[in-house]
Amino acid sequence: MLGWTLLFAILAVVAGFFGFFSLAGIAASIAKILFLVFLVLLVVNFAIRAFRGDSVL
């Protein structure tokens, strides 16, 4: 869980870097893509755990 926290902190710093240098559009596009990727991974993870019989939550 700490690894995920560090990853998102680094992504926030990168997004802030893009925002400060007028590249906010690029940062927003990256954020949208990452959001969709992580959303798909979340759904896939829930499905795999459900098929195995593990607790989803």
N, C-alpha and C. Protein backbone atom coordinates (compact mmCIF):
# COMPACT_ATOMS: atom_id res chain seq x y z
N MET A 1 0.83 -1.19 0.00
CA MET A 1 0.00 0.00 0.00
C MET A 1 0.87 1.25 0.00
N LEU A 2 2.01 1.18 0.65
CA LEU A 2 2.92 2.33 0.67
C LEU A 2 3.47 2.60 -0.72
N GLY A 3 3.68 1.54 -1.49
CA GLY A 3 4.16 1.70 -2.86
C GLY A 3 3.18 2.48 -3.72
N TRP A 4 1.87 2.18 -3.55
CA TRP A 4 0.86 2.92 -4.30
C TRP A 4 0.85 4.39 -3.89
N THR A 5 1.03 4.64 -2.60
CA THR A 5 1.05 6.02 -2.12
C THR A 5 2.20 6.80 -2.74
N LEU A 6 3.37 6.19 -2.79
CA LEU A 6 4.52 6.84 -3.39
C LEU A 6 4.31 7.06 -4.89
N LEU A 7 3.72 6.09 -5.57
CA LEU A 7 3.45 6.23 -6.99
C LEU A 7 2.53 7.41 -7.27
N PHE A 8 1.44 7.52 -6.51
CA PHE A 8 0.51 8.62 -6.72
C PHE A 8 1.11 9.96 -6.32
N ALA A 9 1.98 9.96 -5.34
CA ALA A 9 2.65 11.20 -4.97
C ALA A 9 3.57 11.67 -6.10
N ILE A 10 4.28 10.74 -6.70
CA ILE A 10 5.14 11.09 -7.83
C ILE A 10 4.31 11.58 -9.01
N LEU A 11 3.18 10.92 -9.27
CA LEU A 11 2.30 11.37 -10.36
C LEU A 11 1.76 12.76 -10.08
N ALA A 12 1.45 13.06 -8.85
CA ALA A 12 0.95 14.39 -8.50
C ALA A 12 2.03 15.45 -8.72
N VAL A 13 3.27 15.12 -8.39
CA VAL A 13 4.37 16.06 -8.61
C VAL A 13 4.56 16.29 -10.11
N VAL A 14 4.50 15.24 -10.90
CA VAL A 14 4.65 15.37 -12.35
C VAL A 14 3.51 16.19 -12.93
N ALA A 15 2.29 15.94 -12.49
CA ALA A 15 1.14 16.71 -12.96
C ALA A 15 1.28 18.18 -12.56
N GLY A 16 1.76 18.44 -11.36
CA GLY A 16 1.99 19.82 -10.93
C GLY A 16 3.07 20.49 -11.75
N PHE A 17 4.11 19.73 -12.10
CA PHE A 17 5.19 20.26 -12.94
C PHE A 17 4.63 20.69 -14.30
N PHE A 18 3.79 19.84 -14.89
CA PHE A 18 3.19 20.19 -16.18
C PHE A 18 2.27 21.40 -16.04
N GLY A 19 1.54 21.48 -14.96
CA GLY A 19 0.63 22.59 -14.75
C GLY A 19 1.35 23.92 -14.59
N PHE A 20 2.48 23.91 -13.92
CA PHE A 20 3.22 25.15 -13.70
C PHE A 20 3.86 25.68 -14.99
N PHE A 21 4.08 24.80 -15.93
CA PHE A 21 4.72 25.22 -17.17
C PHE A 21 3.76 25.24 -18.35
N SER A 22 2.50 25.54 -18.07
CA SER A 22 1.46 25.72 -19.09
C SER A 22 1.26 24.49 -19.96
N LEU A 23 1.51 23.35 -19.41
CA LEU A 23 1.23 22.11 -20.13
C LEU A 23 0.11 21.35 -19.42
N ALA A 24 -0.82 22.12 -18.88
CA ALA A 24 -1.90 21.52 -18.09
C ALA A 24 -2.77 20.61 -18.96
N GLY A 25 -2.91 20.93 -20.21
CA GLY A 25 -3.70 20.08 -21.11
C GLY A 25 -3.11 18.69 -21.24
N ILE A 26 -1.79 18.63 -21.35
CA ILE A 26 -1.11 17.33 -21.45
C ILE A 26 -1.27 16.56 -20.14
N ALA A 27 -1.10 17.27 -19.03
CA ALA A 27 -1.25 16.61 -17.72
C ALA A 27 -2.68 16.10 -17.53
N ALA A 28 -3.66 16.87 -17.99
CA ALA A 28 -5.05 16.43 -17.87
C ALA A 28 -5.30 15.19 -18.73
N SER A 29 -4.72 15.16 -19.90
CA SER A 29 -4.87 13.98 -20.77
C SER A 29 -4.24 12.75 -20.14
N ILE A 30 -3.06 12.93 -19.58
CA ILE A 30 -2.39 11.82 -18.91
C ILE A 30 -3.23 11.34 -17.72
N ALA A 31 -3.78 12.28 -16.97
CA ALA A 31 -4.60 11.92 -15.81
C ALA A 31 -5.84 11.15 -16.24
N LYS A 32 -6.47 11.55 -17.34
CA LYS A 32 -7.65 10.82 -17.83
C LYS A 32 -7.28 9.40 -18.24
N ILE A 33 -6.18 9.27 -18.94
CA ILE A 33 -5.75 7.94 -19.38
C ILE A 33 -5.42 7.06 -18.19
N LEU A 34 -4.68 7.60 -17.22
CA LEU A 34 -4.33 6.82 -16.03
C LEU A 34 -5.57 6.44 -15.23
N PHE A 35 -6.53 7.35 -15.14
CA PHE A 35 -7.77 7.04 -14.43
C PHE A 35 -8.48 5.86 -15.09
N LEU A 36 -8.59 5.88 -16.41
CA LEU A 36 -9.26 4.78 -17.10
C LEU A 36 -8.49 3.48 -16.95
N VAL A 37 -7.16 3.53 -17.02
CA VAL A 37 -6.35 2.33 -16.87
C VAL A 37 -6.54 1.73 -15.48
N PHE A 38 -6.46 2.57 -14.44
CA PHE A 38 -6.62 2.05 -13.09
C PHE A 38 -8.05 1.58 -12.82
N LEU A 39 -9.04 2.22 -13.46
CA LEU A 39 -10.42 1.78 -13.30
C LEU A 39 -10.60 0.39 -13.91
N VAL A 40 -10.04 0.17 -15.09
CA VAL A 40 -10.12 -1.15 -15.73
C VAL A 40 -9.39 -2.18 -14.88
N LEU A 41 -8.21 -1.84 -14.37
CA LEU A 41 -7.48 -2.78 -13.52
C LEU A 41 -8.25 -3.12 -12.25
N LEU A 42 -8.95 -2.15 -11.69
CA LEU A 42 -9.76 -2.39 -10.50
C LEU A 42 -10.88 -3.38 -10.80
N VAL A 43 -11.58 -3.18 -11.90
CA VAL A 43 -12.68 -4.07 -12.27
C VAL A 43 -12.16 -5.48 -12.56
N VAL A 44 -11.03 -5.57 -13.26
CA VAL A 44 -10.44 -6.88 -13.55
C VAL A 44 -10.03 -7.58 -12.26
N ASN A 45 -9.44 -6.82 -11.33
CA ASN A 45 -9.03 -7.39 -10.05
C ASN A 45 -10.25 -7.91 -9.28
N PHE A 46 -11.32 -7.14 -9.24
CA PHE A 46 -12.54 -7.60 -8.57
C PHE A 46 -13.09 -8.86 -9.22
N ALA A 47 -13.08 -8.91 -10.54
CA ALA A 47 -13.61 -10.08 -11.24
C ALA A 47 -12.77 -11.32 -10.95
N ILE A 48 -11.47 -11.19 -10.99
CA ILE A 48 -10.59 -12.33 -10.73
C ILE A 48 -10.79 -12.83 -9.31
N ARG A 49 -10.86 -11.90 -8.35
CA ARG A 49 -11.05 -12.32 -6.95
C ARG A 49 -12.41 -12.98 -6.76
N ALA A 50 -13.43 -12.49 -7.45
CA ALA A 50 -14.77 -13.08 -7.33
C ALA A 50 -14.79 -14.49 -7.91
N PHE A 51 -14.12 -14.71 -9.03
CA PHE A 51 -14.09 -16.03 -9.65
C PHE A 51 -13.31 -17.03 -8.80
N ARG A 52 -12.29 -16.56 -8.10
CA ARG A 52 -11.52 -17.44 -7.22
C ARG A 52 -12.27 -17.75 -5.93
N GLY A 53 -13.27 -16.98 -5.60
CA GLY A 53 -14.01 -17.19 -4.38
C GLY A 53 -13.48 -16.39 -3.22
N ASP A 54 -12.52 -15.51 -3.47
CA ASP A 54 -11.98 -14.66 -2.42
C ASP A 54 -12.95 -13.53 -2.12
N SER A 55 -12.73 -12.88 -1.01
CA SER A 55 -13.53 -11.71 -0.66
C SER A 55 -13.15 -10.56 -1.59
N VAL A 56 -14.15 -9.93 -2.16
CA VAL A 56 -13.90 -8.83 -3.09
C VAL A 56 -13.54 -7.56 -2.34
N LEU A 57 -14.11 -7.37 -1.17
CA LEU A 57 -13.84 -6.16 -0.41
C LEU A 57 -12.86 -6.39 0.70
